[in-house]
Amino acid sequence: MNSITVLIALISLTLMYSIDVILVKHFFSAVEAGYYVAASTLGKILFFATLSISQVMFPKVSELYIKKKNHRQMLKKSLLISLIIIIPAVIIFYLFPEFIVNILFGKEFLSISSYIGPFAVIIGLFSLIYIITFYKLSTNRKKFLYILLLFNLIEIILILLFHSSLMQVINILMTYMTILFIVMFSTT
């Protein structure tokens, strides 16, 4: 694995969770974009809660790969540990959205309450995709980069075409991340 491969993967992953914000700022009012960014920020809590899992998995899988030992179990464990964090968080975000928004942003942001559950799903799926990406990097694979780059392009095109409401953008991201997760997982 070379540094260019890692760089392309990291840029692609960063685009996945930031290009929507840029496009929303372009297509929506400042107030709506602010609401979207607040909801997105709440969802990103999940990503940072699971980020260390990929960082711990990477060197272990690399070592197992070099020694030609079974490394797939490490991916399964990493995904399972992440799901143990993600699933309860998604449930909490869906069950108590007003409470969460009120505590973290105040009453003036309560209108984003319906967005934070879906954002938890989106970022939860992104977290799993991130782990799979690092797994593929640790096993010296490169072809998956075409998948990531293609999905970056798909995300941009879909939001450019369909942005009649913030919820439409969120639904696009939920569908997009679900399909990308299935594709990435099925090619491991």
Protein backbone atom coordinates (compact mmCIF):
# COMPACT_ATOMS: atom_id res chain seq x y z
CA MET A 1 0.00 0.00 0.00
CA ASN A 2 1.33 3.41 -0.85
CA SER A 3 0.54 6.84 0.51
CA ILE A 4 -1.35 7.87 -2.66
CA THR A 5 -3.84 5.05 -2.10
CA VAL A 6 -4.42 6.15 1.48
CA LEU A 7 -4.69 9.78 0.43
CA ILE A 8 -7.33 9.01 -2.22
CA ALA A 9 -9.30 6.90 0.25
CA LEU A 10 -9.21 9.60 2.93
CA ILE A 11 -10.18 12.37 0.51
CA SER A 12 -13.06 10.27 -0.80
CA LEU A 13 -14.27 9.47 2.73
CA THR A 14 -14.02 13.11 3.77
CA LEU A 15 -16.02 14.15 0.72
CA MET A 16 -18.74 11.67 1.66
CA TYR A 17 -19.58 13.41 4.88
CA SER A 18 -18.86 16.99 3.83
CA ILE A 19 -19.96 17.52 0.22
CA ASP A 20 -23.63 17.37 1.27
CA VAL A 21 -23.06 20.28 3.66
CA ILE A 22 -21.46 22.36 0.90
CA LEU A 23 -24.32 21.62 -1.50
CA VAL A 24 -26.97 22.31 1.13
CA LYS A 25 -25.33 25.68 1.84
CA HIS A 26 -25.60 26.40 -1.89
CA PHE A 27 -29.23 25.33 -2.40
CA PHE A 28 -30.88 26.35 0.88
CA SER A 29 -31.21 29.49 2.96
CA ALA A 30 -28.63 30.23 5.64
CA VAL A 31 -31.11 29.25 8.36
CA GLU A 32 -31.99 25.92 6.73
CA ALA A 33 -28.30 25.20 6.05
CA GLY A 34 -27.57 25.97 9.71
CA TYR A 35 -30.22 23.51 10.82
CA TYR A 36 -28.80 20.90 8.46
CA VAL A 37 -25.26 21.42 9.75
CA ALA A 38 -26.48 21.12 13.36
CA ALA A 39 -28.26 17.83 12.61
CA SER A 40 -25.25 16.57 10.69
CA THR A 41 -22.96 17.47 13.57
CA LEU A 42 -25.10 15.46 15.99
CA GLY A 43 -24.89 12.47 13.67
CA LYS A 44 -21.11 12.77 13.47
CA ILE A 45 -20.94 12.00 17.18
CA LEU A 46 -21.37 8.36 16.12
CA PHE A 47 -18.47 8.54 13.71
CA PHE A 48 -16.11 9.87 16.35
CA ALA A 49 -17.41 7.30 18.85
CA THR A 50 -16.36 4.48 16.50
CA LEU A 51 -13.30 6.04 14.85
CA SER A 52 -10.82 4.40 17.20
CA ILE A 53 -12.06 0.94 16.20
CA SER A 54 -10.72 1.33 12.65
CA GLN A 55 -7.50 2.81 14.00
CA VAL A 56 -6.92 -0.21 16.26
CA MET A 57 -8.00 -2.71 13.61
CA PHE A 58 -5.71 -1.38 10.87
CA PRO A 59 -2.29 -2.41 12.24
CA LYS A 60 -3.61 -5.73 13.54
CA VAL A 61 -5.09 -6.69 10.17
CA SER A 62 -1.95 -5.50 8.39
CA GLU A 63 0.17 -7.74 10.58
CA LEU A 64 -2.12 -10.75 10.08
CA TYR A 65 -2.17 -10.10 6.33
CA ILE A 66 1.62 -9.97 6.12
CA LYS A 67 1.89 -13.20 8.14
CA LYS A 68 -0.74 -14.77 5.85
CA LYS A 69 -3.04 -15.47 8.79
CA ASN A 70 -6.82 -15.15 8.98
CA HIS A 71 -7.60 -11.45 9.19
CA ARG A 72 -11.28 -11.49 8.23
CA GLN A 73 -12.23 -12.23 11.86
CA MET A 74 -10.73 -8.89 12.86
CA LEU A 75 -13.04 -7.12 10.40
CA LYS A 76 -16.06 -8.98 11.77
CA LYS A 77 -15.11 -8.09 15.36
CA SER A 78 -14.57 -4.45 14.43
CA LEU A 79 -17.93 -4.21 12.70
CA LEU A 80 -19.64 -5.94 15.62
CA ILE A 81 -18.09 -3.62 18.20
CA SER A 82 -19.14 -0.65 16.09
CA LEU A 83 -22.69 -1.96 15.84
CA ILE A 84 -22.79 -2.32 19.63
CA ILE A 85 -22.19 1.45 19.76
CA ILE A 86 -24.21 2.48 16.70
CA ILE A 87 -27.47 0.59 17.25
CA PRO A 88 -28.23 1.90 20.76
CA ALA A 89 -27.22 5.42 19.66
CA VAL A 90 -29.58 5.30 16.67
CA ILE A 91 -32.39 4.10 18.93
CA ILE A 92 -31.70 6.93 21.40
CA PHE A 93 -31.58 9.51 18.58
CA TYR A 94 -34.97 8.27 17.31
CA LEU A 95 -36.60 8.00 20.74
CA PHE A 96 -35.39 11.24 22.32
CA PRO A 97 -34.60 13.69 19.51
CA GLU A 98 -36.13 16.75 21.17
CA PHE A 99 -34.28 16.08 24.42
CA ILE A 100 -30.94 15.68 22.61
CA VAL A 101 -31.42 18.77 20.46
CA ASN A 102 -32.59 20.87 23.40
CA ILE A 103 -29.60 19.92 25.54
CA LEU A 104 -26.97 20.37 22.83
CA PHE A 105 -28.36 23.25 20.75
CA GLY A 106 -31.29 24.78 22.63
CA LYS A 107 -34.99 25.24 21.94
CA GLU A 108 -34.42 27.35 18.83
CA PHE A 109 -33.13 24.23 17.05
CA LEU A 110 -36.00 21.88 17.95
CA SER A 111 -37.11 21.92 14.31
CA ILE A 112 -34.16 19.62 13.48
CA SER A 113 -35.47 16.90 15.79
CA SER A 114 -36.89 14.88 12.89
CA TYR A 115 -33.49 14.93 11.16
CA ILE A 116 -31.23 13.55 13.87
CA GLY A 117 -32.47 9.94 13.82
CA PRO A 118 -31.91 9.62 10.08
CA PHE A 119 -28.51 11.32 10.44
CA ALA A 120 -27.57 8.76 13.09
CA VAL A 121 -28.35 6.02 10.55
CA ILE A 122 -26.39 7.80 7.82
CA ILE A 123 -23.31 8.34 9.96
CA GLY A 124 -23.63 4.87 11.50
CA LEU A 125 -23.46 3.38 8.00
CA PHE A 126 -20.61 5.73 7.13
CA SER A 127 -18.72 4.51 10.21
CA LEU A 128 -19.06 0.92 9.01
CA ILE A 129 -17.92 1.95 5.51
CA TYR A 130 -14.92 3.67 7.09
CA ILE A 131 -13.97 0.45 8.91
CA ILE A 132 -14.33 -1.60 5.72
CA THR A 133 -12.20 0.95 3.85
CA PHE A 134 -9.41 0.67 6.42
CA TYR A 135 -9.70 -3.10 6.31
CA LYS A 136 -9.22 -3.03 2.54
CA LEU A 137 -6.29 -0.66 2.90
CA SER A 138 -4.69 -2.94 5.47
CA THR A 139 -4.95 -5.90 3.09
CA ASN A 140 -3.33 -3.95 0.26
CA ARG A 141 -6.42 -3.66 -1.93
CA LYS A 142 -6.86 -0.74 -4.28
CA LYS A 143 -9.75 -1.47 -6.64
CA PHE A 144 -12.29 -0.39 -4.03
CA LEU A 145 -11.09 3.18 -4.56
CA TYR A 146 -13.03 3.21 -7.83
CA ILE A 147 -16.17 2.35 -5.87
CA LEU A 148 -15.57 5.18 -3.39
CA LEU A 149 -14.87 7.72 -6.12
CA LEU A 150 -17.90 6.58 -8.13
CA PHE A 151 -20.11 6.95 -5.07
CA ASN A 152 -18.71 10.45 -4.43
CA LEU A 153 -19.83 11.38 -7.91
CA ILE A 154 -23.23 9.72 -7.41
CA GLU A 155 -23.76 11.63 -4.17
CA ILE A 156 -23.01 14.95 -5.84
CA ILE A 157 -25.25 14.22 -8.83
CA LEU A 158 -28.16 13.05 -6.68
CA ILE A 159 -28.07 16.13 -4.46
CA LEU A 160 -27.70 18.42 -7.49
CA LEU A 161 -30.80 16.82 -9.01
CA PHE A 162 -32.91 16.27 -5.90
CA HIS A 163 -32.86 19.00 -3.28
CA SER A 164 -36.43 20.19 -2.89
CA SER A 165 -36.21 19.85 0.91
CA LEU A 166 -33.69 19.04 3.59
CA MET A 167 -35.52 15.77 4.23
CA GLN A 168 -35.12 14.83 0.56
CA VAL A 169 -31.35 15.34 0.84
CA ILE A 170 -31.31 13.29 4.05
CA ASN A 171 -33.30 10.47 2.40
CA ILE A 172 -30.88 10.49 -0.53
CA LEU A 173 -27.97 10.14 1.90
CA MET A 174 -29.67 7.29 3.78
CA THR A 175 -30.26 5.37 0.56
CA TYR A 176 -26.81 6.22 -0.77
CA MET A 177 -24.99 5.08 2.39
CA THR A 178 -27.05 1.88 2.58
CA ILE A 179 -26.18 0.93 -0.99
CA LEU A 180 -22.52 1.88 -0.56
CA PHE A 181 -22.30 -0.19 2.63
CA ILE A 182 -23.81 -3.22 0.85
CA VAL A 183 -21.39 -2.82 -2.07
CA MET A 184 -18.34 -2.36 0.16
CA PHE A 185 -19.27 -5.20 2.49
CA SER A 186 -20.08 -7.62 -0.33
CA THR A 187 -16.68 -6.99 -1.93
CA THR A 188 -14.59 -7.69 1.20
